[in-house]
Amino acid sequence: MIFPYFKFAQLAILPNWYDNLGEAMDEEARVASMRTSAGWEAGEGGWSSPDGIHETDWADEGWPFPEDADFAIWFSAAHHNKALDAGVNPIPYPNAPPSA
Protein backbone atom coordinates (compact mmCIF):
# COMPACT_ATOMS: atom_id res chain seq x y z
CA MET A 1 0.00 0.00 0.00
CA ILE A 2 1.30 3.43 -0.91
CA PHE A 3 0.45 6.08 1.65
CA PRO A 4 -0.87 9.48 0.48
CA TYR A 5 1.90 11.46 2.16
CA PHE A 6 4.46 9.34 0.27
CA LYS A 7 2.75 10.23 -3.01
CA PHE A 8 2.87 13.95 -2.24
CA ALA A 9 6.50 13.78 -1.18
CA GLN A 10 7.42 11.96 -4.37
CA LEU A 11 5.51 14.47 -6.50
CA ALA A 12 7.67 17.25 -5.06
CA ILE A 13 10.87 15.35 -5.92
CA LEU A 14 9.93 13.66 -9.19
CA PRO A 15 6.63 14.70 -10.76
CA ASN A 16 6.31 11.56 -12.92
CA TRP A 17 7.46 8.98 -10.32
CA TYR A 18 4.20 7.06 -10.58
CA ASP A 19 4.75 6.50 -14.32
CA ASN A 20 7.87 4.46 -13.50
CA LEU A 21 6.41 2.48 -10.60
CA GLY A 22 5.69 -0.58 -12.76
CA GLU A 23 9.29 -0.73 -13.97
CA ALA A 24 10.59 -0.44 -10.41
CA MET A 25 8.30 -3.24 -9.26
CA ASP A 26 9.40 -5.42 -12.20
CA GLU A 27 13.05 -4.82 -11.29
CA GLU A 28 12.38 -5.70 -7.66
CA ALA A 29 10.71 -8.94 -8.74
CA ARG A 30 13.65 -9.76 -11.04
CA VAL A 31 16.17 -9.21 -8.23
CA ALA A 32 14.11 -11.30 -5.80
CA SER A 33 13.81 -14.12 -8.33
CA MET A 34 17.53 -14.20 -9.12
CA ARG A 35 18.60 -14.04 -5.48
CA THR A 36 16.14 -16.75 -4.46
CA SER A 37 17.30 -19.05 -7.26
CA ALA A 38 20.91 -18.49 -6.13
CA GLY A 39 20.00 -19.68 -2.63
CA TRP A 40 19.73 -16.29 -0.94
CA GLU A 41 17.13 -15.77 1.78
CA ALA A 42 15.14 -12.62 2.48
CA GLY A 43 14.48 -11.62 6.06
CA GLU A 44 13.28 -8.60 7.96
CA GLY A 45 16.78 -7.11 7.90
CA GLY A 46 17.39 -7.68 4.20
CA TRP A 47 18.93 -10.46 2.13
CA SER A 48 21.48 -13.04 3.26
CA SER A 49 23.70 -15.22 1.08
CA PRO A 50 23.66 -19.03 1.38
CA ASP A 51 26.73 -18.65 3.62
CA GLY A 52 24.80 -16.31 5.94
CA ILE A 53 26.56 -13.11 4.83
CA HIS A 54 24.24 -10.10 5.02
CA GLU A 55 23.86 -8.09 1.81
CA THR A 56 25.53 -4.99 3.31
CA ASP A 57 28.59 -7.02 4.29
CA TRP A 58 28.52 -8.64 0.84
CA ALA A 59 28.55 -5.20 -0.78
CA ASP A 60 31.34 -4.01 1.54
CA GLU A 61 33.49 -6.88 0.22
CA GLY A 62 32.81 -5.70 -3.32
CA TRP A 63 31.37 -9.03 -4.45
CA PRO A 64 28.72 -9.01 -7.20
CA PHE A 65 25.11 -9.89 -6.40
CA PRO A 66 23.21 -12.66 -8.22
CA GLU A 67 21.39 -10.06 -10.32
CA ASP A 68 24.67 -8.57 -11.59
CA ALA A 69 25.94 -9.55 -15.03
CA ASP A 70 29.35 -10.71 -13.76
CA PHE A 71 28.00 -12.85 -10.90
CA ALA A 72 28.26 -16.13 -12.83
CA ILE A 73 31.93 -15.52 -13.66
CA TRP A 74 32.72 -14.48 -10.08
CA PHE A 75 30.84 -17.48 -8.64
CA SER A 76 32.60 -20.00 -10.88
CA ALA A 77 35.99 -18.49 -9.99
CA ALA A 78 35.15 -18.62 -6.27
CA HIS A 79 34.01 -22.26 -6.63
CA HIS A 80 37.21 -23.05 -8.54
CA ASN A 81 39.40 -21.56 -5.78
CA LYS A 82 37.43 -23.31 -3.02
CA ALA A 83 37.85 -26.64 -4.80
CA LEU A 84 41.58 -26.06 -5.23
CA ASP A 85 41.90 -25.25 -1.52
CA ALA A 86 40.12 -28.53 -0.73
CA GLY A 87 42.53 -30.48 -2.96
CA VAL A 88 39.90 -31.35 -5.55
CA ASN A 89 40.38 -30.94 -9.28
CA PRO A 90 37.62 -28.37 -10.05
CA ILE A 91 37.76 -28.87 -13.81
CA PRO A 92 38.12 -32.55 -14.56
CA TYR A 93 39.69 -33.46 -17.86
CA PRO A 94 40.13 -36.81 -19.57
CA ASN A 95 42.70 -39.07 -17.91
CA ALA A 96 43.24 -36.58 -15.09
CA PRO A 97 45.30 -37.91 -12.20
CA PRO A 98 43.34 -38.32 -8.98
CA SER A 99 43.47 -35.41 -6.56
CA ALA A 100 45.84 -35.83 -3.65
PDB file of N, CA and C in Angstrom:
ATOM      1  N   MET A   1       0.840  -1.180   0.000  1.00  0.00           N
ATOM      2  CA  MET A   1       0.000   0.000   0.000  1.00  0.00           C
ATOM      3  C   MET A   1       0.877   1.232   0.000  1.00  0.00           C
ATOM      4  N   ILE A   2       0.555   2.173  -0.847  1.00  0.00           N
ATOM      5  CA  ILE A   2       1.303   3.430  -0.912  1.00  0.00           C
ATOM      6  C   ILE A   2       0.498   4.491  -0.177  1.00  0.00           C
ATOM      7  N   PHE A   3       1.132   5.089   0.826  1.00  0.00           N
ATOM      8  CA  PHE A   3       0.450   6.077   1.648  1.00  0.00           C
ATOM      9  C   PHE A   3       0.376   7.422   0.937  1.00  0.00           C
ATOM     10  N   PRO A   4      -0.694   8.191   1.161  1.00  0.00           N
ATOM     11  CA  PRO A   4      -0.870   9.479   0.475  1.00  0.00           C
ATOM     12  C   PRO A   4       0.279  10.454   0.699  1.00  0.00           C
ATOM     13  N   TYR A   5       0.815  10.512   1.922  1.00  0.00           N
ATOM     14  CA  TYR A   5       1.904  11.464   2.156  1.00  0.00           C
ATOM     15  C   TYR A   5       3.147  11.088   1.361  1.00  0.00           C
ATOM     16  N   PHE A   6       3.339   9.778   1.096  1.00  0.00           N
ATOM     17  CA  PHE A   6       4.456   9.343   0.272  1.00  0.00           C
ATOM     18  C   PHE A   6       4.275   9.854  -1.156  1.00  0.00           C
ATOM     19  N   LYS A   7       3.030   9.763  -1.657  1.00  0.00           N
ATOM     20  CA  LYS A   7       2.751  10.226  -3.012  1.00  0.00           C
ATOM     21  C   LYS A   7       3.052  11.715  -3.148  1.00  0.00           C
ATOM     22  N   PHE A   8       2.627  12.507  -2.176  1.00  0.00           N
ATOM     23  CA  PHE A   8       2.874  13.948  -2.240  1.00  0.00           C
ATOM     24  C   PHE A   8       4.361  14.272  -2.142  1.00  0.00           C
ATOM     25  N   ALA A   9       5.070  13.555  -1.303  1.00  0.00           N
ATOM     26  CA  ALA A   9       6.503  13.780  -1.176  1.00  0.00           C
ATOM     27  C   ALA A   9       7.212  13.434  -2.483  1.00  0.00           C
ATOM     28  N   GLN A  10       6.800  12.351  -3.111  1.00  0.00           N
ATOM     29  CA  GLN A  10       7.425  11.963  -4.368  1.00  0.00           C
ATOM     30  C   GLN A  10       7.091  12.940  -5.490  1.00  0.00           C
ATOM     31  N   LEU A  11       5.889  13.487  -5.481  1.00  0.00           N
ATOM     32  CA  LEU A  11       5.515  14.465  -6.503  1.00  0.00           C
ATOM     33  C   LEU A  11       6.398  15.701  -6.422  1.00  0.00           C
ATOM     34  N   ALA A  12       6.806  16.082  -5.213  1.00  0.00           N
ATOM     35  CA  ALA A  12       7.670  17.248  -5.056  1.00  0.00           C
ATOM     36  C   ALA A  12       9.071  16.960  -5.599  1.00  0.00           C
ATOM     37  N   ILE A  13       9.516  15.711  -5.479  1.00  0.00           N
ATOM     38  CA  ILE A  13      10.866  15.354  -5.916  1.00  0.00           C
ATOM     39  C   ILE A  13      10.897  14.998  -7.404  1.00  0.00           C
ATOM     40  N   LEU A  14       9.963  14.170  -7.826  1.00  0.00           N
ATOM     41  CA  LEU A  14       9.933  13.660  -9.190  1.00  0.00           C
ATOM     42  C   LEU A  14       8.483  13.610  -9.650  1.00  0.00           C
ATOM     43  N   PRO A  15       8.047  14.595 -10.408  1.00  0.00           N
ATOM     44  CA  PRO A  15       6.631  14.695 -10.756  1.00  0.00           C
ATOM     45  C   PRO A  15       6.048  13.465 -11.457  1.00  0.00           C
ATOM     46  N   ASN A  16       6.846  12.710 -12.193  1.00  0.00           N
ATOM     47  CA  ASN A  16       6.313  11.558 -12.918  1.00  0.00           C
ATOM     48  C   ASN A  16       6.736  10.237 -12.282  1.00  0.00           C
ATOM     49  N   TRP A  17       6.977  10.205 -10.979  1.00  0.00           N
ATOM     50  CA  TRP A  17       7.460   8.982 -10.317  1.00  0.00           C
ATOM     51  C   TRP A  17       6.501   7.834 -10.486  1.00  0.00           C
ATOM     52  N   TYR A  18       5.196   8.126 -10.508  1.00  0.00           N
ATOM     53  CA  TYR A  18       4.202   7.062 -10.581  1.00  0.00           C
ATOM     54  C   TYR A  18       4.224   6.379 -11.954  1.00  0.00           C
ATOM     55  N   ASP A  19       4.657   7.096 -12.986  1.00  0.00           N
ATOM     56  CA  ASP A  19       4.748   6.501 -14.319  1.00  0.00           C
ATOM     57  C   ASP A  19       5.784   5.381 -14.362  1.00  0.00           C
ATOM     58  N   ASN A  20       6.795   5.443 -13.502  1.00  0.00           N
ATOM     59  CA  ASN A  20       7.872   4.465 -13.497  1.00  0.00           C
ATOM     60  C   ASN A  20       7.710   3.402 -12.414  1.00  0.00           C
ATOM     61  N   LEU A  21       6.614   3.413 -11.699  1.00  0.00           N
ATOM     62  CA  LEU A  21       6.411   2.475 -10.599  1.00  0.00           C
ATOM     63  C   LEU A  21       6.385   1.028 -11.087  1.00  0.00           C
ATOM     64  N   GLY A  22       5.756   0.781 -12.217  1.00  0.00           N
ATOM     65  CA  GLY A  22       5.690  -0.577 -12.758  1.00  0.00           C
ATOM     66  C   GLY A  22       7.068  -1.127 -13.080  1.00  0.00           C
ATOM     67  N   GLU A  23       7.933  -0.300 -13.657  1.00  0.00           N
ATOM     68  CA  GLU A  23       9.295  -0.729 -13.969  1.00  0.00           C
ATOM     69  C   GLU A  23      10.069  -1.035 -12.697  1.00  0.00           C
ATOM     70  N   ALA A  24       9.896  -0.215 -11.678  1.00  0.00           N
ATOM     71  CA  ALA A  24      10.588  -0.441 -10.407  1.00  0.00           C
ATOM     72  C   ALA A  24      10.113  -1.742  -9.760  1.00  0.00           C
ATOM     73  N   MET A  25       8.826  -2.005  -9.842  1.00  0.00           N
ATOM     74  CA  MET A  25       8.296  -3.239  -9.264  1.00  0.00           C
ATOM     75  C   MET A  25       8.784  -4.456 -10.048  1.00  0.00           C
ATOM     76  N   ASP A  26       8.881  -4.331 -11.372  1.00  0.00           N
ATOM     77  CA  ASP A  26       9.401  -5.422 -12.195  1.00  0.00           C
ATOM     78  C   ASP A  26      10.862  -5.702 -11.854  1.00  0.00           C
ATOM     79  N   GLU A  27      11.642  -4.655 -11.648  1.00  0.00           N
ATOM     80  CA  GLU A  27      13.054  -4.817 -11.288  1.00  0.00           C
ATOM     81  C   GLU A  27      13.189  -5.477  -9.923  1.00  0.00           C
ATOM     82  N   GLU A  28      12.353  -5.079  -8.985  1.00  0.00           N
ATOM     83  CA  GLU A  28      12.378  -5.695  -7.658  1.00  0.00           C
ATOM     84  C   GLU A  28      12.038  -7.180  -7.735  1.00  0.00           C
ATOM     85  N   ALA A  29      11.079  -7.534  -8.568  1.00  0.00           N
ATOM     86  CA  ALA A  29      10.707  -8.943  -8.737  1.00  0.00           C
ATOM     87  C   ALA A  29      11.833  -9.729  -9.406  1.00  0.00           C
ATOM     88  N   ARG A  30      12.528  -9.101 -10.363  1.00  0.00           N
ATOM     89  CA  ARG A  30      13.649  -9.756 -11.038  1.00  0.00           C
ATOM     90  C   ARG A  30      14.775 -10.038 -10.055  1.00  0.00           C
ATOM     91  N   VAL A  31      15.108  -9.048  -9.233  1.00  0.00           N
ATOM     92  CA  VAL A  31      16.169  -9.210  -8.231  1.00  0.00           C
ATOM     93  C   VAL A  31      15.791 -10.306  -7.239  1.00  0.00           C
ATOM     94  N   ALA A  32      14.562 -10.288  -6.765  1.00  0.00           N
ATOM     95  CA  ALA A  32      14.113 -11.300  -5.800  1.00  0.00           C
ATOM     96  C   ALA A  32      14.173 -12.691  -6.418  1.00  0.00           C
ATOM     97  N   SER A  33      13.778 -12.827  -7.659  1.00  0.00           N
ATOM     98  CA  SER A  33      13.811 -14.119  -8.332  1.00  0.00           C
ATOM     99  C   SER A  33      15.232 -14.633  -8.492  1.00  0.00           C
ATOM    100  N   MET A  34      16.148 -13.777  -8.904  1.00  0.00           N
ATOM    101  CA  MET A  34      17.529 -14.200  -9.118  1.00  0.00           C
ATOM    102  C   MET A  34      18.223 -14.545  -7.808  1.00  0.00           C
ATOM    103  N   ARG A  35      17.973 -13.749  -6.775  1.00  0.00           N
ATOM    104  CA  ARG A  35      18.602 -14.038  -5.483  1.00  0.00           C
ATOM    105  C   ARG A  35      18.056 -15.327  -4.880  1.00  0.00           C
ATOM    106  N   THR A  36      16.750 -15.539  -4.994  1.00  0.00           N
ATOM    107  CA  THR A  36      16.143 -16.754  -4.456  1.00  0.00           C
ATOM    108  C   THR A  36      16.679 -17.983  -5.181  1.00  0.00           C
ATOM    109  N   SER A  37      16.797 -17.907  -6.495  1.00  0.00           N
ATOM    110  CA  SER A  37      17.299 -19.054  -7.257  1.00  0.00           C
ATOM    111  C   SER A  37      18.775 -19.319  -6.969  1.00  0.00           C
ATOM    112  N   ALA A  38      19.500 -18.311  -6.491  1.00  0.00           N
ATOM    113  CA  ALA A  38      20.908 -18.491  -6.128  1.00  0.00           C
ATOM    114  C   ALA A  38      21.064 -18.949  -4.681  1.00  0.00           C
ATOM    115  N   GLY A  39      19.938 -19.164  -3.991  1.00  0.00           N
ATOM    116  CA  GLY A  39      19.998 -19.681  -2.625  1.00  0.00           C
ATOM    117  C   GLY A  39      19.994 -18.612  -1.546  1.00  0.00           C
ATOM    118  N   TRP A  40      19.786 -17.368  -1.925  1.00  0.00           N
ATOM    119  CA  TRP A  40      19.733 -16.288  -0.943  1.00  0.00           C
ATOM    120  C   TRP A  40      18.392 -16.336  -0.224  1.00  0.00           C
ATOM    121  N   GLU A  41      18.368 -15.813   1.003  1.00  0.00           N
ATOM    122  CA  GLU A  41      17.135 -15.769   1.779  1.00  0.00           C
ATOM    123  C   GLU A  41      16.839 -14.332   2.194  1.00  0.00           C
ATOM    124  N   ALA A  42      15.577 -13.960   2.075  1.00  0.00           N
ATOM    125  CA  ALA A  42      15.140 -12.623   2.483  1.00  0.00           C
ATOM    126  C   ALA A  42      14.604 -12.692   3.899  1.00  0.00           C
ATOM    127  N   GLY A  43      14.966 -11.705   4.696  1.00  0.00           N
ATOM    128  CA  GLY A  43      14.477 -11.619   6.058  1.00  0.00           C
ATOM    129  C   GLY A  43      14.069 -10.194   6.360  1.00  0.00           C
ATOM    130  N   GLU A  44      13.710  -9.939   7.588  1.00  0.00           N
ATOM    131  CA  GLU A  44      13.281  -8.595   7.964  1.00  0.00           C
ATOM    132  C   GLU A  44      14.406  -7.573   7.818  1.00  0.00           C
ATOM    133  N   GLY A  45      15.644  -8.018   7.990  1.00  0.00           N
ATOM    134  CA  GLY A  45      16.782  -7.107   7.898  1.00  0.00           C
ATOM    135  C   GLY A  45      17.405  -7.023   6.528  1.00  0.00           C
ATOM    136  N   GLY A  46      16.837  -7.694   5.547  1.00  0.00           N
ATOM    137  CA  GLY A  46      17.387  -7.684   4.196  1.00  0.00           C
ATOM    138  C   GLY A  46      17.722  -9.082   3.736  1.00  0.00           C
ATOM    139  N   TRP A  47      18.553  -9.186   2.729  1.00  0.00           N
ATOM    140  CA  TRP A  47      18.927 -10.460   2.129  1.00  0.00           C
ATOM    141  C   TRP A  47      20.185 -11.015   2.775  1.00  0.00           C
ATOM    142  N   SER A  48      20.285 -12.351   2.790  1.00  0.00           N
ATOM    143  CA  SER A  48      21.484 -13.039   3.263  1.00  0.00           C
ATOM    144  C   SER A  48      21.877 -14.086   2.235  1.00  0.00           C
ATOM    145  N   SER A  49      23.188 -14.228   2.027  1.00  0.00           N
ATOM    146  CA  SER A  49      23.697 -15.216   1.078  1.00  0.00           C
ATOM    147  C   SER A  49      23.528 -16.618   1.657  1.00  0.00           C
ATOM    148  N   PRO A  50      23.742 -17.657   0.849  1.00  0.00           N
ATOM    149  CA  PRO A  50      23.661 -19.026   1.380  1.00  0.00           C
ATOM    150  C   PRO A  50      24.649 -19.282   2.515  1.00  0.00           C
ATOM    151  N   ASP A  51      25.744 -18.521   2.549  1.00  0.00           N
ATOM    152  CA  ASP A  51      26.730 -18.654   3.621  1.00  0.00           C
ATOM    153  C   ASP A  51      26.371 -17.832   4.850  1.00  0.00           C
ATOM    154  N   GLY A  52      25.248 -17.109   4.802  1.00  0.00           N
ATOM    155  CA  GLY A  52      24.799 -16.311   5.938  1.00  0.00           C
ATOM    156  C   GLY A  52      25.375 -14.910   5.976  1.00  0.00           C
ATOM    157  N   ILE A  53      25.985 -14.459   4.892  1.00  0.00           N
ATOM    158  CA  ILE A  53      26.562 -13.110   4.834  1.00  0.00           C
ATOM    159  C   ILE A  53      25.460 -12.130   4.460  1.00  0.00           C
ATOM    160  N   HIS A  54      25.279 -11.102   5.279  1.00  0.00           N
ATOM    161  CA  HIS A  54      24.239 -10.099   5.017  1.00  0.00           C
ATOM    162  C   HIS A  54      24.618  -9.294   3.778  1.00  0.00           C
ATOM    163  N   GLU A  55      23.613  -8.796   3.063  1.00  0.00           N
ATOM    164  CA  GLU A  55      23.862  -8.088   1.810  1.00  0.00           C
ATOM    165  C   GLU A  55      24.732  -6.850   1.976  1.00  0.00           C
ATOM    166  N   THR A  56      24.671  -6.160   3.119  1.00  0.00           N
ATOM    167  CA  THR A  56      25.528  -4.992   3.309  1.00  0.00           C
ATOM    168  C   THR A  56      26.987  -5.409   3.459  1.00  0.00           C
ATOM    169  N   ASP A  57      27.223  -6.519   4.172  1.00  0.00           N
ATOM    170  CA  ASP A  57      28.591  -7.022   4.289  1.00  0.00           C
ATOM    171  C   ASP A  57      29.091  -7.534   2.940  1.00  0.00           C
ATOM    172  N   TRP A  58      28.197  -8.149   2.180  1.00  0.00           N
ATOM    173  CA  TRP A  58      28.525  -8.637   0.844  1.00  0.00           C
ATOM    174  C   TRP A  58      28.974  -7.471  -0.037  1.00  0.00           C
ATOM    175  N   ALA A  59      28.218  -6.382   0.013  1.00  0.00           N
ATOM    176  CA  ALA A  59      28.549  -5.199  -0.782  1.00  0.00           C
ATOM    177  C   ALA A  59      29.860  -4.570  -0.307  1.00  0.00           C
ATOM    178  N   ASP A  60      30.093  -4.571   1.009  1.00  0.00           N
ATOM    179  CA  ASP A  60      31.345  -4.014   1.543  1.00  0.00           C
ATOM    180  C   ASP A  60      32.560  -4.774   1.019  1.00  0.00           C
ATOM    181  N   GLU A  61      32.402  -6.076   0.772  1.00  0.00           N
ATOM    182  CA  GLU A  61      33.494  -6.883   0.223  1.00  0.00           C
ATOM    183  C   GLU A  61      33.705  -6.608  -1.265  1.00  0.00           C
ATOM    184  N   GLY A  62      32.713  -5.995  -1.896  1.00  0.00           N
ATOM    185  CA  GLY A  62      32.814  -5.695  -3.319  1.00  0.00           C
ATOM    186  C   GLY A  62      32.437  -6.852  -4.227  1.00  0.00           C
ATOM    187  N   TRP A  63      31.774  -7.867  -3.669  1.00  0.00           N
ATOM    188  CA  TRP A  63      31.367  -9.028  -4.454  1.00  0.00           C
ATOM    189  C   TRP A  63      30.093  -8.719  -5.218  1.00  0.00           C
ATOM    190  N   PRO A  64      29.941  -9.263  -6.429  1.00  0.00           N
ATOM    191  CA  PRO A  64      28.717  -9.014  -7.198  1.00  0.00           C
ATOM    192  C   PRO A  64      27.530  -9.789  -6.626  1.00  0.00           C
ATOM    193  N   PHE A  65      26.357  -9.247  -6.831  1.00  0.00           N
ATOM    194  CA  PHE A  65      25.115  -9.887  -6.401  1.00  0.00           C
ATOM    195  C   PHE A  65      24.599 -10.794  -7.519  1.00  0.00           C
ATOM    196  N   PRO A  66      23.724 -11.745  -7.195  1.00  0.00           N
ATOM    197  CA  PRO A  66      23.209 -12.656  -8.224  1.00  0.00           C
ATOM    198  C   PRO A  66      22.561 -11.958  -9.415  1.00  0.00           C
ATOM    199  N   GLU A  67      22.028 -10.765  -9.216  1.00  0.00           N
ATOM    200  CA  GLU A  67      21.386 -10.059 -10.320  1.00  0.00           C
ATOM    201  C   GLU A  67      22.382  -9.304 -11.195  1.00  0.00           C
ATOM    202  N   ASP A  68      23.648  -9.255 -10.806  1.00  0.00           N
ATOM    203  CA  ASP A  68      24.670  -8.567 -11.591  1.00  0.00           C
ATOM    204  C   ASP A  68      25.144  -9.446 -12.748  1.00  0.00           C
ATOM    205  N   ALA A  69      25.538  -8.813 -13.829  1.00  0.00           N
ATOM    206  CA  ALA A  69      25.939  -9.551 -15.031  1.00  0.00           C
ATOM    207  C   ALA A  69      27.183 -10.408 -14.800  1.00  0.00           C
ATOM    208  N   ASP A  70      28.102  -9.964 -13.957  1.00  0.00           N
ATOM    209  CA  ASP A  70      29.352 -10.709 -13.761  1.00  0.00           C
ATOM    210  C   ASP A  70      29.299 -11.689 -12.588  1.00  0.00           C
ATOM    211  N   PHE A  71      28.113 -11.928 -12.029  1.00  0.00           N
ATOM    212  CA  PHE A  71      28.004 -12.845 -10.897  1.00  0.00           C
ATOM    213  C   PHE A  71      28.398 -14.269 -11.279  1.00  0.00           C
ATOM    214  N   ALA A  72      27.963 -14.753 -12.435  1.00  0.00           N
ATOM    215  CA  ALA A  72      28.263 -16.134 -12.834  1.00  0.00           C
ATOM    216  C   ALA A  72      29.762 -16.357 -12.956  1.00  0.00           C
ATOM    217  N   ILE A  73      30.478 -15.403 -13.517  1.00  0.00           N
ATOM    218  CA  ILE A  73      31.930 -15.525 -13.655  1.00  0.00           C
ATOM    219  C   ILE A  73      32.583 -15.510 -12.278  1.00  0.00           C
ATOM    220  N   TRP A  74      32.155 -14.574 -11.434  1.00  0.00           N
ATOM    221  CA  TRP A  74      32.717 -14.479 -10.082  1.00  0.00           C
ATOM    222  C   TRP A  74      32.435 -15.759  -9.303  1.00  0.00           C
ATOM    223  N   PHE A  75      31.223 -16.276  -9.391  1.00  0.00           N
ATOM    224  CA  PHE A  75      30.845 -17.477  -8.642  1.00  0.00           C
ATOM    225  C   PHE A  75      31.664 -18.680  -9.091  1.00  0.00           C
ATOM    226  N   SER A  76      31.832 -18.848 -10.404  1.00  0.00           N
ATOM    227  CA  SER A  76      32.601 -20.002 -10.880  1.00  0.00           C
ATOM    228  C   SER A  76      34.061 -19.889 -10.462  1.00  0.00           C
ATOM    229  N   ALA A  77      34.609 -18.673 -10.445  1.00  0.00           N
ATOM    230  CA  ALA A  77      35.993 -18.489  -9.989  1.00  0.00           C
ATOM    231  C   ALA A  77      36.105 -18.788  -8.501  1.00  0.00           C
ATOM    232  N   ALA A  78      35.133 -18.351  -7.709  1.00  0.00           N
ATOM    233  CA  ALA A  78      35.152 -18.619  -6.272  1.00  0.00           C
ATOM    234  C   ALA A  78      35.029 -20.116  -6.015  1.00  0.00           C
ATOM    235  N   HIS A  79      34.168 -20.804  -6.761  1.00  0.00           N
ATOM    236  CA  HIS A  79      34.012 -22.258  -6.631  1.00  0.00           C
ATOM    237  C   HIS A  79      35.316 -22.961  -7.015  1.00  0.00           C
ATOM    238  N   HIS A  80      35.946 -22.482  -8.072  1.00  0.00           N
ATOM    239  CA  HIS A  80      37.214 -23.052  -8.537  1.00  0.00           C
ATOM    240  C   HIS A  80      38.277 -22.945  -7.445  1.00  0.00           C
ATOM    241  N   ASN A  81      38.401 -21.770  -6.838  1.00  0.00           N
ATOM    242  CA  ASN A  81      39.400 -21.562  -5.781  1.00  0.00           C
ATOM    243  C   ASN A  81      39.090 -22.393  -4.549  1.00  0.00           C
ATOM    244  N   LYS A  82      37.820 -22.510  -4.190  1.00  0.00           N
ATOM    245  CA  LYS A  82      37.431 -23.306  -3.025  1.00  0.00           C
ATOM    246  C   LYS A  82      37.765 -24.780  -3.260  1.00  0.00           C
ATOM    247  N   ALA A  83      37.534 -25.253  -4.475  1.00  0.00           N
ATOM    248  CA  ALA A  83      37.850 -26.645  -4.804  1.00  0.00           C
ATOM    249  C   ALA A  83      39.354 -26.882  -4.766  1.00  0.00           C
ATOM    250  N   LEU A  84      40.124 -25.921  -5.272  1.00  0.00           N
ATOM    251  CA  LEU A  84      41.580 -26.060  -5.226  1.00  0.00           C
ATOM    252  C   LEU A  84      42.072 -26.107  -3.790  1.00  0.00           C
ATOM    253  N   ASP A  85      41.510 -25.261  -2.929  1.00  0.00           N
ATOM    254  CA  ASP A  85      41.898 -25.247  -1.522  1.00  0.00           C
ATOM    255  C   ASP A  85      41.577 -26.579  -0.849  1.00  0.00           C
ATOM    256  N   ALA A  86      40.520 -27.247  -1.300  1.00  0.00           N
ATOM    257  CA  ALA A  86      40.124 -28.531  -0.727  1.00  0.00           C
ATOM    258  C   ALA A  86      40.896 -29.697  -1.346  1.00  0.00           C
ATOM    259  N   GLY A  87      41.755 -29.423  -2.324  1.00  0.00           N
ATOM    260  CA  GLY A  87      42.533 -30.476  -2.958  1.00  0.00           C
ATOM    261  C   GLY A  87      41.765 -31.268  -3.986  1.00  0.00           C
ATOM    262  N   VAL A  88      40.726 -30.681  -4.540  1.00  0.00           N
ATOM    263  CA  VAL A  88      39.898 -31.347  -5.555  1.00  0.00           C
ATOM    264  C   VAL A  88      40.159 -30.680  -6.892  1.00  0.00           C
ATOM    265  N   ASN A  89      40.216 -31.498  -7.947  1.00  0.00           N
ATOM    266  CA  ASN A  89      40.376 -30.938  -9.285  1.00  0.00           C
ATOM    267  C   ASN A  89      39.038 -30.332  -9.701  1.00  0.00           C
ATOM    268  N   PRO A  90      38.911 -28.994  -9.746  1.00  0.00           N
ATOM    269  CA  PRO A  90      37.618 -28.372 -10.046  1.00  0.00           C
ATOM    270  C   PRO A  90      37.175 -28.532 -11.485  1.00  0.00           C
ATOM    271  N   ILE A  91      38.113 -28.725 -12.409  1.00  0.00           N
ATOM    272  CA  ILE A  91      37.759 -28.869 -13.810  1.00  0.00           C
ATOM    273  C   ILE A  91      38.346 -30.192 -14.291  1.00  0.00           C
ATOM    274  N   PRO A  92      37.589 -31.259 -14.149  1.00  0.00           N
ATOM    275  CA  PRO A  92      38.123 -32.550 -14.565  1.00  0.00           C
ATOM    276  C   PRO A  92      38.365 -32.600 -16.074  1.00  0.00           C
ATOM    277  N   TYR A  93      39.386 -33.270 -16.461  1.00  0.00           N
ATOM    278  CA  TYR A  93      39.688 -33.464 -17.865  1.00  0.00           C
ATOM    279  C   TYR A  93      39.988 -34.934 -18.086  1.00  0.00           C
ATOM    280  N   PRO A  94      39.920 -35.395 -19.316  1.00  0.00           N
ATOM    281  CA  PRO A  94      40.131 -36.814 -19.572  1.00  0.00           C
ATOM    282  C   PRO A  94      41.489 -37.292 -19.055  1.00  0.00           C
ATOM    283  N   ASN A  95      41.485 -38.446 -18.424  1.00  0.00           N
ATOM    284  CA  ASN A  95      42.696 -39.072 -17.907  1.00  0.00           C
ATOM    285  C   ASN A  95      43.405 -38.220 -16.853  1.00  0.00           C
ATOM    286  N   ALA A  96      42.635 -37.418 -16.135  1.00  0.00           N
ATOM    287  CA  ALA A  96      43.240 -36.576 -15.089  1.00  0.00           C
ATOM    288  C   ALA A  96      43.710 -37.450 -13.942  1.00  0.00           C
ATOM    289  N   PRO A  97      44.870 -37.143 -13.364  1.00  0.00           N
ATOM    290  CA  PRO A  97      45.303 -37.909 -12.201  1.00  0.00           C
ATOM    291  C   PRO A  97      44.393 -37.619 -11.033  1.00  0.00           C
ATOM    292  N   PRO A  98      44.203 -38.566 -10.139  1.00  0.00           N
ATOM    293  CA  PRO A  98      43.339 -38.315  -8.978  1.00  0.00           C
ATOM    294  C   PRO A  98      43.917 -37.219  -8.108  1.00  0.00           C
ATOM    295  N   SER A  99      43.026 -36.480  -7.455  1.00  0.00           N
ATOM    296  CA  SER A  99      43.472 -35.412  -6.556  1.00  0.00           C
ATOM    297  C   SER A  99      44.120 -36.021  -5.333  1.00  0.00           C
ATOM    298  N   ALA A 100      45.131 -35.337  -4.833  1.00  0.00           N
ATOM    299  CA  ALA A 100      45.841 -35.830  -3.649  1.00  0.00           C
ATOM    300  C   ALA A 100      45.124 -35.474  -2.390  1.00  0.00           C
TER     301      ALA A 100
END
